[in-house]
Amino acid sequence: MIELVTGTWTSLPAWLQTTLVALGQILAVTITVILCVAYLTLAERKVIGWMQVRIGPNRVGPKGLLQPFADVIKLLLKEVVVPSRSNRFLFVVAPLLALTPAFAAWAVISLWPGFAIANVDAGVLYVLALAGFGAYGIILAGWAANSKYAFLGAMRSAAQIVAYEIAMGFALVGVVMAAGTLNLGKIVEAQSGGVLSWYWLWLFPLFIVYFISGVAETNRAPFDVAEGESEIVAGFHVEYSGIAFALFFLAEYANMIMIATLTATFFAGGWLSPFEGILPGTILAAPGLHWLVLKIAFFLFCFLWFRATFPRYRYDQIMRLGWKVFIPVTLVWLCVEAAMWVYKIGPWAA
């Protein structure tokens, strides 16, 4: 049987082999991200429950482990109600436009040494372009629903994404200056040498700005004014139900995982071991996917921690933070980084 499969595989043309391998990798990453999203929703309810001295979901399956699947089945069985005066086509397409960038960005991420689905040299530009593309789904959802509440939420979200996208872009300029490349795998390799060589230390203000801007980009608390229940019901997805609402839900959590992964890649050494410079030559110093997963888990915990801790910002406070604090901070630190480069201070001195 194995010989038959091997013989069939070798008889295929090279272009078809490459295509099938790429499709297999895409499918594996997509299924993994969807499962991670499912259990991130459970983790969020559990973690916030513990912080509020509650138990959290514990009914469906052992210790509540099947709760995400119960939620998905419930949403699949709900009717998708399309408002009578809405733009039906855009109303249906908007959730897909919101979801696509969160999955497409995984193509250029280096998951372990030497592996990325598409090892392109313009990875940072690709990620930035997709981050901006996600706003279109939210804007279209707000406009197509023909609801004042949804439209207000979409406008808020669009303004917020524009404000924080600029700060994130400037933060990534600092990373590209330090690494000298736009390739995500090479950016991770440029941080080799241990925890003190990772960019979170040398580009600390950019690291903080990038991560907090990522929280704002994903419309998560305390930046969730786009769906402020106390003001505009549910924001841009107020008219959505069933599977269409589930897609927005999936997009939000997939974007959280994406931001956590990018933060780990750009500032926390990606798949590099924190013991690299401390215990050289040991198994703990070996790079691998497990280190990246641990770093992603830490940043995702921070997302949940913020939600349980901070009250929602006022809209004008969010705009002020983006335009008047984060953008000037990134510009100042880019100048500081340029000076450090000139005087050979930092991990790039060699």
C-alpha atoms as a PDB file:
ATOM      1  CA  MET A   1       0.000   0.000   0.000  1.00  0.00           C
ATOM      2  CA  ILE A   2       2.792   2.389   0.974  1.00  0.00           C
ATOM      3  CA  GLU A   3       4.722   1.502  -2.195  1.00  0.00           C
ATOM      4  CA  LEU A   4       1.610   2.209  -4.302  1.00  0.00           C
ATOM      5  CA  VAL A   5       1.141   5.641  -2.695  1.00  0.00           C
ATOM      6  CA  THR A   6       4.865   6.453  -3.082  1.00  0.00           C
ATOM      7  CA  GLY A   7       4.843   5.349  -6.719  1.00  0.00           C
ATOM      8  CA  THR A   8       1.722   7.411  -7.473  1.00  0.00           C
ATOM      9  CA  TRP A   9       3.253  10.463  -5.750  1.00  0.00           C
ATOM     10  CA  THR A  10       6.562  10.261  -7.642  1.00  0.00           C
ATOM     11  CA  SER A  11       4.701   9.885 -10.946  1.00  0.00           C
ATOM     12  CA  LEU A  12       2.961  13.237 -10.455  1.00  0.00           C
ATOM     13  CA  PRO A  13       4.493  16.312 -12.139  1.00  0.00           C
ATOM     14  CA  ALA A  14       6.586  18.597  -9.888  1.00  0.00           C
ATOM     15  CA  TRP A  15       4.130  21.526 -10.077  1.00  0.00           C
ATOM     16  CA  LEU A  16       1.249  19.312  -8.922  1.00  0.00           C
ATOM     17  CA  GLN A  17       3.326  17.937  -6.018  1.00  0.00           C
ATOM     18  CA  THR A  18       4.161  21.486  -4.909  1.00  0.00           C
ATOM     19  CA  THR A  19       0.494  22.521  -5.154  1.00  0.00           C
ATOM     20  CA  LEU A  20      -0.732  19.513  -3.139  1.00  0.00           C
ATOM     21  CA  VAL A  21       1.905  20.062  -0.414  1.00  0.00           C
ATOM     22  CA  ALA A  22       0.912  23.752  -0.158  1.00  0.00           C
ATOM     23  CA  LEU A  23      -2.792  22.838   0.014  1.00  0.00           C
ATOM     24  CA  GLY A  24      -2.059  20.307   2.754  1.00  0.00           C
ATOM     25  CA  GLN A  25      -0.136  22.919   4.767  1.00  0.00           C
ATOM     26  CA  ILE A  26      -2.919  25.505   4.307  1.00  0.00           C
ATOM     27  CA  LEU A  27      -5.567  22.982   5.418  1.00  0.00           C
ATOM     28  CA  ALA A  28      -3.526  21.952   8.481  1.00  0.00           C
ATOM     29  CA  VAL A  29      -2.948  25.568   9.571  1.00  0.00           C
ATOM     30  CA  THR A  30      -6.599  26.550   8.944  1.00  0.00           C
ATOM     31  CA  ILE A  31      -8.017  23.633  10.957  1.00  0.00           C
ATOM     32  CA  THR A  32      -5.538  24.308  13.783  1.00  0.00           C
ATOM     33  CA  VAL A  33      -6.487  28.017  13.924  1.00  0.00           C
ATOM     34  CA  ILE A  34     -10.236  27.189  13.958  1.00  0.00           C
ATOM     35  CA  LEU A  35      -9.732  24.727  16.851  1.00  0.00           C
ATOM     36  CA  CYS A  36      -7.596  27.295  18.687  1.00  0.00           C
ATOM     37  CA  VAL A  37     -10.380  29.887  18.235  1.00  0.00           C
ATOM     38  CA  ALA A  38     -12.931  27.415  19.639  1.00  0.00           C
ATOM     39  CA  TYR A  39     -10.890  26.763  22.763  1.00  0.00           C
ATOM     40  CA  LEU A  40      -9.834  30.398  23.117  1.00  0.00           C
ATOM     41  CA  THR A  41     -13.514  31.274  23.638  1.00  0.00           C
ATOM     42  CA  LEU A  42     -13.692  28.606  26.354  1.00  0.00           C
ATOM     43  CA  ALA A  43     -10.398  29.793  27.902  1.00  0.00           C
ATOM     44  CA  GLU A  44     -11.710  33.365  27.958  1.00  0.00           C
ATOM     45  CA  ARG A  45     -14.873  32.378  29.830  1.00  0.00           C
ATOM     46  CA  LYS A  46     -12.889  30.197  32.244  1.00  0.00           C
ATOM     47  CA  VAL A  47     -10.114  32.734  32.916  1.00  0.00           C
ATOM     48  CA  ILE A  48     -12.510  35.648  33.426  1.00  0.00           C
ATOM     49  CA  GLY A  49     -14.678  33.371  35.580  1.00  0.00           C
ATOM     50  CA  TRP A  50     -11.710  32.587  37.837  1.00  0.00           C
ATOM     51  CA  MET A  51     -10.787  36.267  38.037  1.00  0.00           C
ATOM     52  CA  GLN A  52     -14.349  37.051  39.118  1.00  0.00           C
ATOM     53  CA  VAL A  53     -14.437  34.060  41.535  1.00  0.00           C
ATOM     54  CA  ARG A  54     -16.819  32.053  39.340  1.00  0.00           C
ATOM     55  CA  ILE A  55     -16.433  28.597  37.835  1.00  0.00           C
ATOM     56  CA  GLY A  56     -17.216  29.330  34.180  1.00  0.00           C
ATOM     57  CA  PRO A  57     -18.700  26.791  31.713  1.00  0.00           C
ATOM     58  CA  ASN A  58     -18.680  23.282  33.228  1.00  0.00           C
ATOM     59  CA  ARG A  59     -21.803  21.538  31.905  1.00  0.00           C
ATOM     60  CA  VAL A  60     -21.149  20.378  28.325  1.00  0.00           C
ATOM     61  CA  GLY A  61     -18.610  17.562  28.255  1.00  0.00           C
ATOM     62  CA  PRO A  62     -15.960  16.814  30.912  1.00  0.00           C
ATOM     63  CA  LYS A  63     -15.182  20.065  32.776  1.00  0.00           C
ATOM     64  CA  GLY A  64     -17.015  22.015  30.037  1.00  0.00           C
ATOM     65  CA  LEU A  65     -14.505  21.069  27.293  1.00  0.00           C
ATOM     66  CA  LEU A  66     -17.225  20.606  24.648  1.00  0.00           C
ATOM     67  CA  GLN A  67     -18.877  23.984  25.309  1.00  0.00           C
ATOM     68  CA  PRO A  68     -17.384  25.662  22.142  1.00  0.00           C
ATOM     69  CA  PHE A  69     -18.909  22.946  19.938  1.00  0.00           C
ATOM     70  CA  ALA A  70     -22.288  23.368  21.632  1.00  0.00           C
ATOM     71  CA  ASP A  71     -22.108  27.122  20.912  1.00  0.00           C
ATOM     72  CA  VAL A  72     -21.240  26.520  17.239  1.00  0.00           C
ATOM     73  CA  ILE A  73     -24.076  24.007  16.768  1.00  0.00           C
ATOM     74  CA  LYS A  74     -26.520  26.431  18.411  1.00  0.00           C
ATOM     75  CA  LEU A  75     -25.481  29.251  16.035  1.00  0.00           C
ATOM     76  CA  LEU A  76     -25.609  26.946  12.984  1.00  0.00           C
ATOM     77  CA  LEU A  77     -29.207  26.037  13.806  1.00  0.00           C
ATOM     78  CA  LYS A  78     -30.293  29.679  14.133  1.00  0.00           C
ATOM     79  CA  GLU A  79     -31.943  31.433  11.206  1.00  0.00           C
ATOM     80  CA  VAL A  80     -29.914  34.101   9.388  1.00  0.00           C
ATOM     81  CA  VAL A  81     -32.317  37.051   9.330  1.00  0.00           C
ATOM     82  CA  VAL A  82     -31.566  39.555   6.555  1.00  0.00           C
ATOM     83  CA  PRO A  83     -33.209  42.969   7.194  1.00  0.00           C
ATOM     84  CA  SER A  84     -35.755  43.828   4.494  1.00  0.00           C
ATOM     85  CA  ARG A  85     -34.176  47.175   3.503  1.00  0.00           C
ATOM     86  CA  SER A  86     -30.551  45.986   3.639  1.00  0.00           C
ATOM     87  CA  ASN A  87     -28.161  45.350   0.755  1.00  0.00           C
ATOM     88  CA  ARG A  88     -28.470  41.565   0.736  1.00  0.00           C
ATOM     89  CA  PHE A  89     -25.255  40.771  -1.188  1.00  0.00           C
ATOM     90  CA  LEU A  90     -22.970  42.988   0.933  1.00  0.00           C
ATOM     91  CA  PHE A  91     -24.741  41.891   4.108  1.00  0.00           C
ATOM     92  CA  VAL A  92     -23.780  38.261   3.373  1.00  0.00           C
ATOM     93  CA  VAL A  93     -20.271  39.001   2.011  1.00  0.00           C
ATOM     94  CA  ALA A  94     -19.169  41.293   4.905  1.00  0.00           C
ATOM     95  CA  PRO A  95     -18.513  38.491   7.463  1.00  0.00           C
ATOM     96  CA  LEU A  96     -16.326  36.670   4.922  1.00  0.00           C
ATOM     97  CA  LEU A  97     -14.343  39.857   4.225  1.00  0.00           C
ATOM     98  CA  ALA A  98     -13.764  40.263   7.962  1.00  0.00           C
ATOM     99  CA  LEU A  99     -12.629  36.651   8.358  1.00  0.00           C
ATOM    100  CA  THR A 100     -10.372  36.182   5.299  1.00  0.00           C
ATOM    101  CA  PRO A 101      -7.407  38.400   6.361  1.00  0.00           C
ATOM    102  CA  ALA A 102      -7.132  36.656   9.752  1.00  0.00           C
ATOM    103  CA  PHE A 103      -6.445  33.344   7.990  1.00  0.00           C
ATOM    104  CA  ALA A 104      -4.539  34.658   4.951  1.00  0.00           C
ATOM    105  CA  ALA A 105      -1.833  36.276   7.116  1.00  0.00           C
ATOM    106  CA  TRP A 106      -0.674  32.830   8.353  1.00  0.00           C
ATOM    107  CA  ALA A 107       0.850  32.194   4.914  1.00  0.00           C
ATOM    108  CA  VAL A 108       4.029  34.174   5.685  1.00  0.00           C
ATOM    109  CA  ILE A 109       4.473  33.400   9.396  1.00  0.00           C
ATOM    110  CA  SER A 110       7.519  31.305  10.283  1.00  0.00           C
ATOM    111  CA  LEU A 111       6.173  28.605  12.631  1.00  0.00           C
ATOM    112  CA  TRP A 112       9.469  26.815  13.272  1.00  0.00           C
ATOM    113  CA  PRO A 113      13.034  27.059  11.864  1.00  0.00           C
ATOM    114  CA  GLY A 114      12.943  26.973   8.083  1.00  0.00           C
ATOM    115  CA  PHE A 115       9.151  26.602   7.752  1.00  0.00           C
ATOM    116  CA  ALA A 116       6.580  29.026   6.384  1.00  0.00           C
ATOM    117  CA  ILE A 117       3.814  28.212   3.901  1.00  0.00           C
ATOM    118  CA  ALA A 118       5.064  31.069   1.680  1.00  0.00           C
ATOM    119  CA  ASN A 119       8.609  32.133   2.569  1.00  0.00           C
ATOM    120  CA  VAL A 120       8.409  35.549   0.866  1.00  0.00           C
ATOM    121  CA  ASP A 121      10.798  38.446   1.412  1.00  0.00           C
ATOM    122  CA  ALA A 122       7.993  41.009   1.700  1.00  0.00           C
ATOM    123  CA  GLY A 123       6.199  39.281   4.589  1.00  0.00           C
ATOM    124  CA  VAL A 124       5.858  42.409   6.751  1.00  0.00           C
ATOM    125  CA  LEU A 125       4.256  44.367   3.880  1.00  0.00           C
ATOM    126  CA  TYR A 126       1.864  41.463   3.236  1.00  0.00           C
ATOM    127  CA  VAL A 127       0.815  41.373   6.907  1.00  0.00           C
ATOM    128  CA  LEU A 128       0.308  45.155   7.029  1.00  0.00           C
ATOM    129  CA  ALA A 129      -1.803  45.101   3.856  1.00  0.00           C
ATOM    130  CA  LEU A 130      -4.042  42.340   5.239  1.00  0.00           C
ATOM    131  CA  ALA A 131      -4.413  44.095   8.598  1.00  0.00           C
ATOM    132  CA  GLY A 132      -5.895  47.105   6.814  1.00  0.00           C
ATOM    133  CA  PHE A 133      -8.100  44.909   4.635  1.00  0.00           C
ATOM    134  CA  GLY A 134     -10.017  43.572   7.671  1.00  0.00           C
ATOM    135  CA  ALA A 135     -11.645  46.972   8.196  1.00  0.00           C
ATOM    136  CA  TYR A 136     -13.632  46.626   4.957  1.00  0.00           C
ATOM    137  CA  GLY A 137     -15.702  43.735   6.314  1.00  0.00           C
ATOM    138  CA  ILE A 138     -16.709  45.770   9.372  1.00  0.00           C
ATOM    139  CA  ILE A 139     -17.522  48.918   7.355  1.00  0.00           C
ATOM    140  CA  LEU A 140     -19.604  46.956   4.829  1.00  0.00           C
ATOM    141  CA  ALA A 141     -21.450  45.123   7.627  1.00  0.00           C
ATOM    142  CA  GLY A 142     -22.398  48.444   9.232  1.00  0.00           C
ATOM    143  CA  TRP A 143     -23.491  50.044   5.967  1.00  0.00           C
ATOM    144  CA  ALA A 144     -25.289  47.053   4.398  1.00  0.00           C
ATOM    145  CA  ALA A 145     -27.500  46.410   7.447  1.00  0.00           C
ATOM    146  CA  ASN A 146     -29.239  49.802   6.962  1.00  0.00           C
ATOM    147  CA  SER A 147     -29.270  50.375  10.721  1.00  0.00           C
ATOM    148  CA  LYS A 148     -28.134  53.561  12.462  1.00  0.00           C
ATOM    149  CA  TYR A 149     -26.584  51.588  15.326  1.00  0.00           C
ATOM    150  CA  ALA A 150     -24.639  49.298  12.974  1.00  0.00           C
ATOM    151  CA  PHE A 151     -23.463  52.253  10.881  1.00  0.00           C
ATOM    152  CA  LEU A 152     -22.274  54.163  13.964  1.00  0.00           C
ATOM    153  CA  GLY A 153     -20.353  51.098  15.130  1.00  0.00           C
ATOM    154  CA  ALA A 154     -18.756  50.670  11.694  1.00  0.00           C
ATOM    155  CA  MET A 155     -17.665  54.327  11.540  1.00  0.00           C
ATOM    156  CA  ARG A 156     -16.153  54.106  15.016  1.00  0.00           C
ATOM    157  CA  SER A 157     -14.327  50.934  14.081  1.00  0.00           C
ATOM    158  CA  ALA A 158     -12.986  52.386  10.822  1.00  0.00           C
ATOM    159  CA  ALA A 159     -11.649  55.521  12.551  1.00  0.00           C
ATOM    160  CA  GLN A 160     -10.095  53.416  15.304  1.00  0.00           C
ATOM    161  CA  ILE A 161      -8.402  51.018  12.866  1.00  0.00           C
ATOM    162  CA  VAL A 162      -6.957  53.922  10.825  1.00  0.00           C
ATOM    163  CA  ALA A 163      -5.560  55.586  13.971  1.00  0.00           C
ATOM    164  CA  TYR A 164      -3.904  52.464  15.353  1.00  0.00           C
ATOM    165  CA  GLU A 165      -2.815  51.036  11.989  1.00  0.00           C
ATOM    166  CA  ILE A 166      -0.409  53.965  11.595  1.00  0.00           C
ATOM    167  CA  ALA A 167       1.116  53.377  15.050  1.00  0.00           C
ATOM    168  CA  MET A 168       1.488  49.641  14.293  1.00  0.00           C
ATOM    169  CA  GLY A 169       3.123  50.456  10.968  1.00  0.00           C
ATOM    170  CA  PHE A 170       5.679  52.765  12.588  1.00  0.00           C
ATOM    171  CA  ALA A 171       6.407  50.112  15.253  1.00  0.00           C
ATOM    172  CA  LEU A 172       7.123  47.600  12.490  1.00  0.00           C
ATOM    173  CA  VAL A 173       9.430  50.103  10.775  1.00  0.00           C
ATOM    174  CA  GLY A 174      11.575  49.884  13.925  1.00  0.00           C
ATOM    175  CA  VAL A 175      11.643  46.074  13.707  1.00  0.00           C
ATOM    176  CA  VAL A 176      12.571  46.172  10.011  1.00  0.00           C
ATOM    177  CA  MET A 177      15.354  48.705  10.741  1.00  0.00           C
ATOM    178  CA  ALA A 178      16.736  46.422  13.463  1.00  0.00           C
ATOM    179  CA  ALA A 179      16.511  43.171  11.488  1.00  0.00           C
ATOM    180  CA  GLY A 180      17.360  44.595   8.049  1.00  0.00           C
ATOM    181  CA  THR A 181      14.754  42.413   6.339  1.00  0.00           C
ATOM    182  CA  LEU A 182      10.999  42.119   5.648  1.00  0.00           C
ATOM    183  CA  ASN A 183      11.081  38.307   5.837  1.00  0.00           C
ATOM    184  CA  LEU A 184       9.425  37.080   9.074  1.00  0.00           C
ATOM    185  CA  GLY A 185      11.696  34.027   9.372  1.00  0.00           C
ATOM    186  CA  LYS A 186      14.828  36.175   9.061  1.00  0.00           C
ATOM    187  CA  ILE A 187      13.417  38.685  11.591  1.00  0.00           C
ATOM    188  CA  VAL A 188      13.212  35.812  14.115  1.00  0.00           C
ATOM    189  CA  GLU A 189      16.752  34.650  13.236  1.00  0.00           C
ATOM    190  CA  ALA A 190      18.045  38.213  13.722  1.00  0.00           C
ATOM    191  CA  GLN A 191      16.938  38.017  17.389  1.00  0.00           C
ATOM    192  CA  SER A 192      19.064  34.929  18.164  1.00  0.00           C
ATOM    193  CA  GLY A 193      21.379  35.143  21.159  1.00  0.00           C
ATOM    194  CA  GLY A 194      19.002  34.874  24.100  1.00  0.00           C
ATOM    195  CA  VAL A 195      16.294  36.915  25.797  1.00  0.00           C
ATOM    196  CA  LEU A 196      18.433  40.066  25.902  1.00  0.00           C
ATOM    197  CA  SER A 197      18.790  40.008  22.108  1.00  0.00           C
ATOM    198  CA  TRP A 198      15.028  39.951  21.505  1.00  0.00           C
ATOM    199  CA  TYR A 199      13.570  43.253  20.333  1.00  0.00           C
ATOM    200  CA  TRP A 200      11.125  43.618  23.248  1.00  0.00           C
ATOM    201  CA  LEU A 201      14.036  45.024  25.281  1.00  0.00           C
ATOM    202  CA  TRP A 202      15.737  47.275  22.736  1.00  0.00           C
ATOM    203  CA  LEU A 203      12.504  48.438  21.131  1.00  0.00           C
ATOM    204  CA  PHE A 204      10.432  48.396  24.336  1.00  0.00           C
ATOM    205  CA  PRO A 205       8.236  51.461  23.562  1.00  0.00           C
ATOM    206  CA  LEU A 206       7.543  50.065  20.061  1.00  0.00           C
ATOM    207  CA  PHE A 207       6.703  46.665  21.594  1.00  0.00           C
ATOM    208  CA  ILE A 208       4.164  48.221  24.010  1.00  0.00           C
ATOM    209  CA  VAL A 209       2.662  50.432  21.274  1.00  0.00           C
ATOM    210  CA  TYR A 210       2.395  47.499  18.856  1.00  0.00           C
ATOM    211  CA  PHE A 211       0.691  45.162  21.308  1.00  0.00           C
ATOM    212  CA  ILE A 212      -1.771  47.741  22.667  1.00  0.00           C
ATOM    213  CA  SER A 213      -2.535  48.888  19.105  1.00  0.00           C
ATOM    214  CA  GLY A 214      -3.180  45.229  18.279  1.00  0.00           C
ATOM    215  CA  VAL A 215      -5.729  45.067  21.099  1.00  0.00           C
ATOM    216  CA  ALA A 216      -7.382  48.207  19.664  1.00  0.00           C
ATOM    217  CA  GLU A 217      -7.261  46.786  16.102  1.00  0.00           C
ATOM    218  CA  THR A 218      -9.199  43.708  17.161  1.00  0.00           C
ATOM    219  CA  ASN A 219     -11.894  45.853  18.873  1.00  0.00           C
ATOM    220  CA  ARG A 220     -11.231  44.125  22.183  1.00  0.00           C
ATOM    221  CA  ALA A 221     -11.838  45.592  25.651  1.00  0.00           C
ATOM    222  CA  PRO A 222     -10.980  48.244  26.736  1.00  0.00           C
ATOM    223  CA  PHE A 223     -11.116  49.485  23.092  1.00  0.00           C
ATOM    224  CA  ASP A 224     -14.447  47.862  22.160  1.00  0.00           C
ATOM    225  CA  VAL A 225     -16.424  51.068  21.508  1.00  0.00           C
ATOM    226  CA  ALA A 226     -17.372  49.720  18.053  1.00  0.00           C
ATOM    227  CA  GLU A 227     -19.691  47.305  19.845  1.00  0.00           C
ATOM    228  CA  GLY A 228     -20.406  49.328  22.982  1.00  0.00           C
ATOM    229  CA  GLU A 229     -23.499  47.585  24.364  1.00  0.00           C
ATOM    230  CA  SER A 230     -24.362  50.491  26.671  1.00  0.00           C
ATOM    231  CA  GLU A 231     -24.418  52.998  23.788  1.00  0.00           C
ATOM    232  CA  ILE A 232     -25.117  51.384  20.402  1.00  0.00           C
ATOM    233  CA  VAL A 233     -26.632  47.948  21.236  1.00  0.00           C
ATOM    234  CA  ALA A 234     -24.087  45.621  19.559  1.00  0.00           C
ATOM    235  CA  GLY A 235     -22.364  47.866  17.028  1.00  0.00           C
ATOM    236  CA  PHE A 236     -21.675  46.750  13.474  1.00  0.00           C
ATOM    237  CA  HIS A 237     -23.102  43.215  13.908  1.00  0.00           C
ATOM    238  CA  VAL A 238     -26.342  44.276  15.618  1.00  0.00           C
ATOM    239  CA  GLU A 239     -28.482  42.855  12.760  1.00  0.00           C
ATOM    240  CA  TYR A 240     -26.528  39.609  12.361  1.00  0.00           C
ATOM    241  CA  SER A 241     -27.608  36.190  13.638  1.00  0.00           C
ATOM    242  CA  GLY A 242     -26.819  32.521  13.100  1.00  0.00           C
ATOM    243  CA  ILE A 243     -23.793  31.508  11.047  1.00  0.00           C
ATOM    244  CA  ALA A 244     -23.163  35.089   9.815  1.00  0.00           C
ATOM    245  CA  PHE A 245     -22.753  36.245  13.427  1.00  0.00           C
ATOM    246  CA  ALA A 246     -20.567  33.184  14.118  1.00  0.00           C
ATOM    247  CA  LEU A 247     -18.208  34.278  11.299  1.00  0.00           C
ATOM    248  CA  PHE A 248     -17.723  37.721  12.925  1.00  0.00           C
ATOM    249  CA  PHE A 249     -17.105  35.961  16.234  1.00  0.00           C
ATOM    250  CA  LEU A 250     -14.565  33.663  14.549  1.00  0.00           C
ATOM    251  CA  ALA A 251     -12.864  36.639  12.862  1.00  0.00           C
ATOM    252  CA  GLU A 252     -12.444  38.515  16.170  1.00  0.00           C
ATOM    253  CA  TYR A 253     -10.762  35.601  17.938  1.00  0.00           C
ATOM    254  CA  ALA A 254      -8.703  34.602  14.868  1.00  0.00           C
ATOM    255  CA  ASN A 255      -7.404  38.197  14.752  1.00  0.00           C
ATOM    256  CA  MET A 256      -6.503  37.975  18.452  1.00  0.00           C
ATOM    257  CA  ILE A 257      -4.414  34.845  17.771  1.00  0.00           C
ATOM    258  CA  MET A 258      -2.846  36.569  14.747  1.00  0.00           C
ATOM    259  CA  ILE A 259      -1.845  39.688  16.748  1.00  0.00           C
ATOM    260  CA  ALA A 260      -0.413  37.498  19.538  1.00  0.00           C
ATOM    261  CA  THR A 261       1.588  35.501  16.959  1.00  0.00           C
ATOM    262  CA  LEU A 262       2.931  38.613  15.224  1.00  0.00           C
ATOM    263  CA  THR A 263       3.897  40.206  18.565  1.00  0.00           C
ATOM    264  CA  ALA A 264       5.762  37.024  19.524  1.00  0.00           C
ATOM    265  CA  THR A 265       7.472  36.937  16.106  1.00  0.00           C
ATOM    266  CA  PHE A 266       8.509  40.598  15.934  1.00  0.00           C
ATOM    267  CA  PHE A 267       9.435  41.300  19.551  1.00  0.00           C
ATOM    268  CA  ALA A 268       9.723  38.045  21.550  1.00  0.00           C
ATOM    269  CA  GLY A 269      11.978  35.910  19.383  1.00  0.00           C
ATOM    270  CA  GLY A 270       9.271  33.790  17.702  1.00  0.00           C
ATOM    271  CA  TRP A 271      10.311  30.123  17.882  1.00  0.00           C
ATOM    272  CA  LEU A 272      13.656  30.916  19.580  1.00  0.00           C
ATOM    273  CA  SER A 273      14.269  29.540  23.076  1.00  0.00           C
ATOM    274  CA  PRO A 274      14.576  31.963  26.031  1.00  0.00           C
ATOM    275  CA  PHE A 275      17.395  29.710  27.348  1.00  0.00           C
ATOM    276  CA  GLU A 276      19.488  30.078  24.183  1.00  0.00           C
ATOM    277  CA  GLY A 277      22.128  32.305  25.754  1.00  0.00           C
ATOM    278  CA  ILE A 278      21.834  30.804  29.272  1.00  0.00           C
ATOM    279  CA  LEU A 279      22.021  27.026  28.649  1.00  0.00           C
ATOM    280  CA  PRO A 280      23.723  26.693  25.238  1.00  0.00           C
ATOM    281  CA  GLY A 281      23.894  23.186  23.797  1.00  0.00           C
ATOM    282  CA  THR A 282      21.085  21.791  25.996  1.00  0.00           C
ATOM    283  CA  ILE A 283      17.637  20.606  24.886  1.00  0.00           C
ATOM    284  CA  LEU A 284      16.077  23.693  26.552  1.00  0.00           C
ATOM    285  CA  ALA A 285      18.067  25.960  24.242  1.00  0.00           C
ATOM    286  CA  ALA A 286      16.752  24.263  21.075  1.00  0.00           C
ATOM    287  CA  PRO A 287      14.345  26.407  19.018  1.00  0.00           C
ATOM    288  CA  GLY A 288      10.950  25.027  18.022  1.00  0.00           C
ATOM    289  CA  LEU A 289       7.213  25.483  17.599  1.00  0.00           C
ATOM    290  CA  HIS A 290       6.586  24.865  21.326  1.00  0.00           C
ATOM    291  CA  TRP A 291       8.334  28.140  22.284  1.00  0.00           C
ATOM    292  CA  LEU A 292       6.205  30.089  19.801  1.00  0.00           C
ATOM    293  CA  VAL A 293       3.023  28.451  21.178  1.00  0.00           C
ATOM    294  CA  LEU A 294       3.974  29.372  24.770  1.00  0.00           C
ATOM    295  CA  LYS A 295       4.605  33.011  23.802  1.00  0.00           C
ATOM    296  CA  ILE A 296       1.305  33.187  21.880  1.00  0.00           C
ATOM    297  CA  ALA A 297      -0.491  31.745  24.937  1.00  0.00           C
ATOM    298  CA  PHE A 298       1.048  34.447  27.161  1.00  0.00           C
ATOM    299  CA  PHE A 299      -0.038  37.298  24.871  1.00  0.00           C
ATOM    300  CA  LEU A 300      -3.541  35.806  24.532  1.00  0.00           C
ATOM    301  CA  PHE A 301      -3.761  35.638  28.319  1.00  0.00           C
ATOM    302  CA  CYS A 302      -2.949  39.374  28.348  1.00  0.00           C
ATOM    303  CA  PHE A 303      -5.915  39.971  25.997  1.00  0.00           C
ATOM    304  CA  LEU A 304      -8.217  38.178  28.459  1.00  0.00           C
ATOM    305  CA  TRP A 305      -6.617  39.890  31.457  1.00  0.00           C
ATOM    306  CA  PHE A 306      -7.255  43.338  29.919  1.00  0.00           C
ATOM    307  CA  ARG A 307     -10.908  42.484  29.345  1.00  0.00           C
ATOM    308  CA  ALA A 308     -11.412  41.394  32.953  1.00  0.00           C
ATOM    309  CA  THR A 309      -9.518  44.382  34.400  1.00  0.00           C
ATOM    310  CA  PHE A 310     -10.123  47.623  32.501  1.00  0.00           C
ATOM    311  CA  PRO A 311     -13.344  49.563  31.911  1.00  0.00           C
ATOM    312  CA  ARG A 312     -14.169  50.673  28.367  1.00  0.00           C
ATOM    313  CA  TYR A 313     -12.470  53.849  27.115  1.00  0.00           C
ATOM    314  CA  ARG A 314     -14.527  56.788  25.919  1.00  0.00           C
ATOM    315  CA  TYR A 315     -14.356  57.223  22.155  1.00  0.00           C
ATOM    316  CA  ASP A 316     -12.475  60.543  22.332  1.00  0.00           C
ATOM    317  CA  GLN A 317      -9.921  58.986  24.734  1.00  0.00           C
ATOM    318  CA  ILE A 318      -9.237  56.183  22.244  1.00  0.00           C
ATOM    319  CA  MET A 319      -8.676  58.656  19.408  1.00  0.00           C
ATOM    320  CA  ARG A 320      -6.423  60.829  21.566  1.00  0.00           C
ATOM    321  CA  LEU A 321      -4.318  57.822  22.614  1.00  0.00           C
ATOM    322  CA  GLY A 322      -3.853  56.703  19.002  1.00  0.00           C
ATOM    323  CA  TRP A 323      -3.093  60.047  17.375  1.00  0.00           C
ATOM    324  CA  LYS A 324      -1.499  62.120  20.162  1.00  0.00           C
ATOM    325  CA  VAL A 325       0.386  59.477  22.189  1.00  0.00           C
ATOM    326  CA  PHE A 326       1.243  56.335  20.229  1.00  0.00           C
ATOM    327  CA  ILE A 327       2.254  57.886  16.904  1.00  0.00           C
ATOM    328  CA  PRO A 328       4.590  60.508  18.507  1.00  0.00           C
ATOM    329  CA  VAL A 329       6.109  57.802  20.789  1.00  0.00           C
ATOM    330  CA  THR A 330       6.905  55.566  17.801  1.00  0.00           C
ATOM    331  CA  LEU A 331       8.448  58.465  15.841  1.00  0.00           C
ATOM    332  CA  VAL A 332      10.646  59.492  18.781  1.00  0.00           C
ATOM    333  CA  TRP A 333      11.838  55.924  19.365  1.00  0.00           C
ATOM    334  CA  LEU A 334      12.644  55.458  15.677  1.00  0.00           C
ATOM    335  CA  CYS A 335      15.017  58.432  16.034  1.00  0.00           C
ATOM    336  CA  VAL A 336      16.489  56.871  19.208  1.00  0.00           C
ATOM    337  CA  GLU A 337      16.925  53.559  17.376  1.00  0.00           C
ATOM    338  CA  ALA A 338      18.685  55.325  14.488  1.00  0.00           C
ATOM    339  CA  ALA A 339      21.087  56.908  17.004  1.00  0.00           C
ATOM    340  CA  MET A 340      21.679  53.495  18.639  1.00  0.00           C
ATOM    341  CA  TRP A 341      22.437  52.070  15.198  1.00  0.00           C
ATOM    342  CA  VAL A 342      24.944  54.827  14.396  1.00  0.00           C
ATOM    343  CA  TYR A 343      26.761  54.455  17.728  1.00  0.00           C
ATOM    344  CA  LYS A 344      26.622  50.622  17.633  1.00  0.00           C
ATOM    345  CA  ILE A 345      24.524  50.179  20.774  1.00  0.00           C
ATOM    346  CA  GLY A 346      22.343  47.066  21.007  1.00  0.00           C
ATOM    347  CA  PRO A 347      22.188  43.579  19.448  1.00  0.00           C
ATOM    348  CA  TRP A 348      22.815  44.988  15.953  1.00  0.00           C
ATOM    349  CA  ALA A 349      26.231  46.363  17.036  1.00  0.00           C
ATOM    350  CA  ALA A 350      28.035  43.354  15.554  1.00  0.00           C
END
